[in-house]
Amino acid sequence: MNTKQLIVLWYTGLIVIVIIFAGFGDAVGGQGHSALLIASIIIIGGLLIFTFKKHPEANKKRVALWILMPIGGIITIIIIIMMYTFWRESPVFWEKISVNNIETTNSRLEFYKYNEAKFSGQIKNLDQKNLSWIKMRITIYDSLGNRLDRSNCEIWLNGRLGGVQYSQTRSFAASIWFKAKPPDNWKWARTTIDARSSP
């Protein structure tokens, strides 16, 4: 085989792998994914074994270059897409909203498991920007006012309705975890520590 034929053979093998995952990836379960991965490894292994055989008319360095360059480009594109997706979905990179413009009412904290509670209520946005995400800190005290526990809770407000617009009110419910369920006669307090508007 010459150089061009080896390059075409590799591209064919890679296209077959893409078709396998695109065609059957969603239709199979966990064990099916393992089978597809094994099939891909077998295809790549076969291509490597065949390439390492003697091919006097083939320039194997050129073959490697033609194979690795597109793969490197694809990996770079995937990394860029993943970084962009992370930026779009991570509140750390979203525009900050003043917590003074967030009004929380009718808030309730109910324990329904050993250390898991439901935090619910209503949020009103008094900022001109759409409110997409809030981080609140919930502190639990005993009957004497001594702090027992503290935990942060993230409230995502994008959903199918989008963020909370200016002067709108939205009900919310979120789970929050503590070290343990507090004893009787406990009290609690909430503090909004961060608020963001997604792009």
Protein backbone atom coordinates (compact mmCIF):
# COMPACT_ATOMS: atom_id res chain seq x y z
CA MET A 1 0.00 0.00 0.00
CA ASN A 2 1.16 3.53 -0.72
CA THR A 3 0.80 6.63 1.45
CA LYS A 4 -2.54 7.79 0.04
CA GLN A 5 -4.10 4.36 0.41
CA LEU A 6 -3.08 4.14 4.08
CA ILE A 7 -4.47 7.60 4.76
CA VAL A 8 -7.78 6.68 3.11
CA LEU A 9 -7.86 3.44 5.10
CA TRP A 10 -7.43 5.32 8.39
CA TYR A 11 -10.08 7.89 7.49
CA THR A 12 -12.46 5.09 6.58
CA GLY A 13 -11.87 3.39 9.93
CA LEU A 14 -12.42 6.61 11.87
CA ILE A 15 -15.61 7.36 9.91
CA VAL A 16 -16.87 3.85 10.71
CA ILE A 17 -16.26 4.49 14.43
CA VAL A 18 -18.15 7.79 14.25
CA ILE A 19 -21.06 6.09 12.44
CA ILE A 20 -21.15 3.31 15.05
CA PHE A 21 -21.43 5.76 17.94
CA ALA A 22 -23.78 8.13 16.10
CA GLY A 23 -26.07 5.33 14.98
CA PHE A 24 -26.11 3.12 18.06
CA GLY A 25 -24.86 5.32 20.92
CA ASP A 26 -28.34 6.39 22.07
CA ALA A 27 -29.96 3.03 21.44
CA VAL A 28 -27.80 0.96 23.78
CA GLY A 29 -27.31 1.01 27.52
CA GLY A 30 -24.18 0.97 29.66
CA GLN A 31 -23.05 -2.51 28.54
CA GLY A 32 -23.80 -1.53 24.95
CA HIS A 33 -21.52 1.49 25.24
CA SER A 34 -18.76 -0.80 26.49
CA ALA A 35 -19.28 -3.04 23.46
CA LEU A 36 -19.08 -0.05 21.11
CA LEU A 37 -15.89 1.09 22.83
CA ILE A 38 -14.36 -2.37 22.49
CA ALA A 39 -15.33 -2.45 18.80
CA SER A 40 -13.65 0.94 18.29
CA ILE A 41 -10.48 -0.24 20.04
CA ILE A 42 -10.43 -3.35 17.84
CA ILE A 43 -10.78 -1.21 14.69
CA ILE A 44 -8.00 1.18 15.77
CA GLY A 45 -5.80 -1.73 16.86
CA GLY A 46 -6.29 -3.43 13.51
CA LEU A 47 -5.42 -0.23 11.67
CA LEU A 48 -2.24 0.20 13.75
CA ILE A 49 -1.14 -3.40 13.19
CA PHE A 50 -1.73 -3.07 9.47
CA THR A 51 0.08 0.29 9.31
CA PHE A 52 3.14 -1.04 11.17
CA LYS A 53 3.56 -3.81 8.61
CA LYS A 54 6.04 -3.27 5.83
CA HIS A 55 4.74 -0.96 3.13
CA PRO A 56 7.75 0.04 1.03
CA GLU A 57 5.77 2.57 -1.01
CA ALA A 58 4.26 4.33 2.03
CA ASN A 59 5.68 7.28 3.90
CA LYS A 60 4.45 6.43 7.41
CA LYS A 61 5.50 9.77 8.90
CA ARG A 62 3.28 11.50 6.38
CA VAL A 63 0.45 9.08 7.18
CA ALA A 64 0.81 9.86 10.91
CA LEU A 65 0.80 13.59 10.16
CA TRP A 66 -2.37 13.37 8.08
CA ILE A 67 -4.09 11.32 10.80
CA LEU A 68 -2.95 13.25 13.86
CA MET A 69 -3.58 16.75 12.49
CA PRO A 70 -7.35 16.29 11.98
CA ILE A 71 -7.66 14.41 15.30
CA GLY A 72 -5.80 17.25 17.05
CA GLY A 73 -8.09 19.78 15.36
CA ILE A 74 -11.20 17.84 16.40
CA ILE A 75 -9.95 17.57 20.00
CA THR A 76 -9.22 21.32 20.05
CA ILE A 77 -12.73 22.09 18.76
CA ILE A 78 -14.27 19.77 21.37
CA ILE A 79 -12.28 21.46 24.15
CA ILE A 80 -13.38 24.91 22.93
CA ILE A 81 -17.03 23.79 22.81
CA MET A 82 -16.78 22.29 26.31
CA MET A 83 -15.18 25.47 27.68
CA TYR A 84 -17.85 27.62 26.04
CA THR A 85 -20.60 25.34 27.42
CA PHE A 86 -19.04 25.50 30.88
CA TRP A 87 -18.88 29.29 30.63
CA ARG A 88 -22.53 29.45 29.57
CA GLU A 89 -23.71 27.12 32.34
CA SER A 90 -21.47 28.17 35.23
CA PRO A 91 -22.75 31.09 37.37
CA VAL A 92 -19.14 31.97 38.23
CA PHE A 93 -18.84 33.63 34.82
CA TRP A 94 -22.29 35.25 34.76
CA GLU A 95 -23.01 38.92 35.41
CA LYS A 96 -23.29 39.77 39.08
CA ILE A 97 -26.52 41.19 40.57
CA SER A 98 -26.60 43.12 43.84
CA VAL A 99 -28.05 40.92 46.59
CA ASN A 100 -29.77 44.04 47.92
CA ASN A 101 -32.06 43.86 44.89
CA ILE A 102 -33.30 40.39 45.79
CA GLU A 103 -36.35 40.06 48.02
CA THR A 104 -37.19 36.68 49.58
CA THR A 105 -40.57 36.09 51.20
CA ASN A 106 -42.62 33.18 52.61
CA SER A 107 -39.45 31.14 53.04
CA ARG A 108 -39.65 27.77 54.79
CA LEU A 109 -37.11 25.15 55.83
CA GLU A 110 -38.43 21.63 56.38
CA PHE A 111 -36.37 18.57 57.25
CA TYR A 112 -37.68 15.39 55.68
CA LYS A 113 -34.61 13.16 56.01
CA TYR A 114 -31.83 12.78 58.55
CA ASN A 115 -29.72 15.62 57.16
CA GLU A 116 -31.66 16.79 54.08
CA ALA A 117 -34.11 19.68 54.12
CA LYS A 118 -36.36 21.44 51.64
CA PHE A 119 -35.89 25.18 51.36
CA SER A 120 -38.79 26.95 49.62
CA GLY A 121 -40.34 30.37 49.26
CA GLN A 122 -40.74 33.21 46.80
CA ILE A 123 -38.13 35.47 45.23
CA LYS A 124 -38.76 38.93 43.81
CA ASN A 125 -36.24 40.52 41.48
CA LEU A 126 -35.78 44.27 41.98
CA ASP A 127 -32.84 44.49 39.57
CA GLN A 128 -33.07 45.51 35.90
CA LYS A 129 -31.15 42.37 34.89
CA ASN A 130 -32.83 38.99 34.64
CA LEU A 131 -32.23 36.93 37.77
CA SER A 132 -30.97 33.44 36.87
CA TRP A 133 -29.23 32.04 39.94
CA ILE A 134 -28.96 32.71 43.65
CA LYS A 135 -26.74 31.31 46.38
CA MET A 136 -28.12 31.47 49.91
CA ARG A 137 -26.56 30.57 53.22
CA ILE A 138 -28.82 28.87 55.75
CA THR A 139 -27.76 28.92 59.39
CA ILE A 140 -29.40 26.79 62.09
CA TYR A 141 -29.45 27.77 65.76
CA ASP A 142 -30.59 26.04 68.91
CA SER A 143 -33.23 27.50 71.22
CA LEU A 144 -30.58 29.63 72.96
CA GLY A 145 -29.29 31.16 69.74
CA ASN A 146 -26.10 29.09 69.49
CA ARG A 147 -25.13 28.21 65.95
CA LEU A 148 -25.46 24.49 65.26
CA ASP A 149 -24.91 24.20 61.52
CA ARG A 150 -24.58 26.19 58.32
CA SER A 151 -24.89 25.25 54.67
CA ASN A 152 -25.15 26.93 51.26
CA CYS A 153 -28.02 26.41 48.85
CA GLU A 154 -28.07 27.14 45.11
CA ILE A 155 -31.37 28.19 43.51
CA TRP A 156 -31.56 27.92 39.71
CA LEU A 157 -34.20 30.16 38.18
CA ASN A 158 -33.64 29.79 34.42
CA GLY A 159 -35.81 26.74 33.69
CA ARG A 160 -38.39 26.71 30.93
CA LEU A 161 -39.73 30.11 32.03
CA GLY A 162 -36.34 31.77 31.80
CA GLY A 163 -34.91 34.01 34.49
CA VAL A 164 -36.94 36.19 36.82
CA GLN A 165 -37.42 39.56 35.15
CA TYR A 166 -37.51 42.95 36.86
CA SER A 167 -40.30 43.28 39.48
CA GLN A 168 -41.42 39.67 38.91
CA THR A 169 -41.89 37.12 41.69
CA ARG A 170 -41.10 33.42 41.34
CA SER A 171 -41.71 30.52 43.71
CA PHE A 172 -38.76 28.21 44.31
CA ALA A 173 -37.87 24.97 46.07
CA ALA A 174 -34.41 23.52 46.56
CA SER A 175 -32.76 20.77 48.56
CA ILE A 176 -30.08 21.57 51.11
CA TRP A 177 -27.92 19.25 53.20
CA PHE A 178 -26.67 19.69 56.77
CA LYS A 179 -24.51 17.58 59.06
CA ALA A 180 -27.54 16.26 60.94
CA LYS A 181 -31.15 17.04 61.73
CA PRO A 182 -31.28 19.68 64.50
CA PRO A 183 -32.88 19.01 67.90
CA ASP A 184 -36.29 20.34 68.87
CA ASN A 185 -36.99 24.08 69.11
CA TRP A 186 -34.39 24.96 66.51
CA LYS A 187 -34.37 28.24 64.64
CA TRP A 188 -32.88 29.27 61.34
CA ALA A 189 -31.86 32.31 59.32
CA ARG A 190 -31.09 32.89 55.65
CA THR A 191 -28.62 35.20 53.95
CA THR A 192 -28.36 35.87 50.21
CA ILE A 193 -24.64 35.80 49.45
CA ASP A 194 -24.60 35.85 45.64
CA ALA A 195 -26.91 36.46 42.68
CA ARG A 196 -26.21 36.22 38.95
CA SER A 197 -27.74 36.90 35.54
CA SER A 198 -26.92 34.41 32.77
CA PRO A 199 -25.85 35.69 29.31
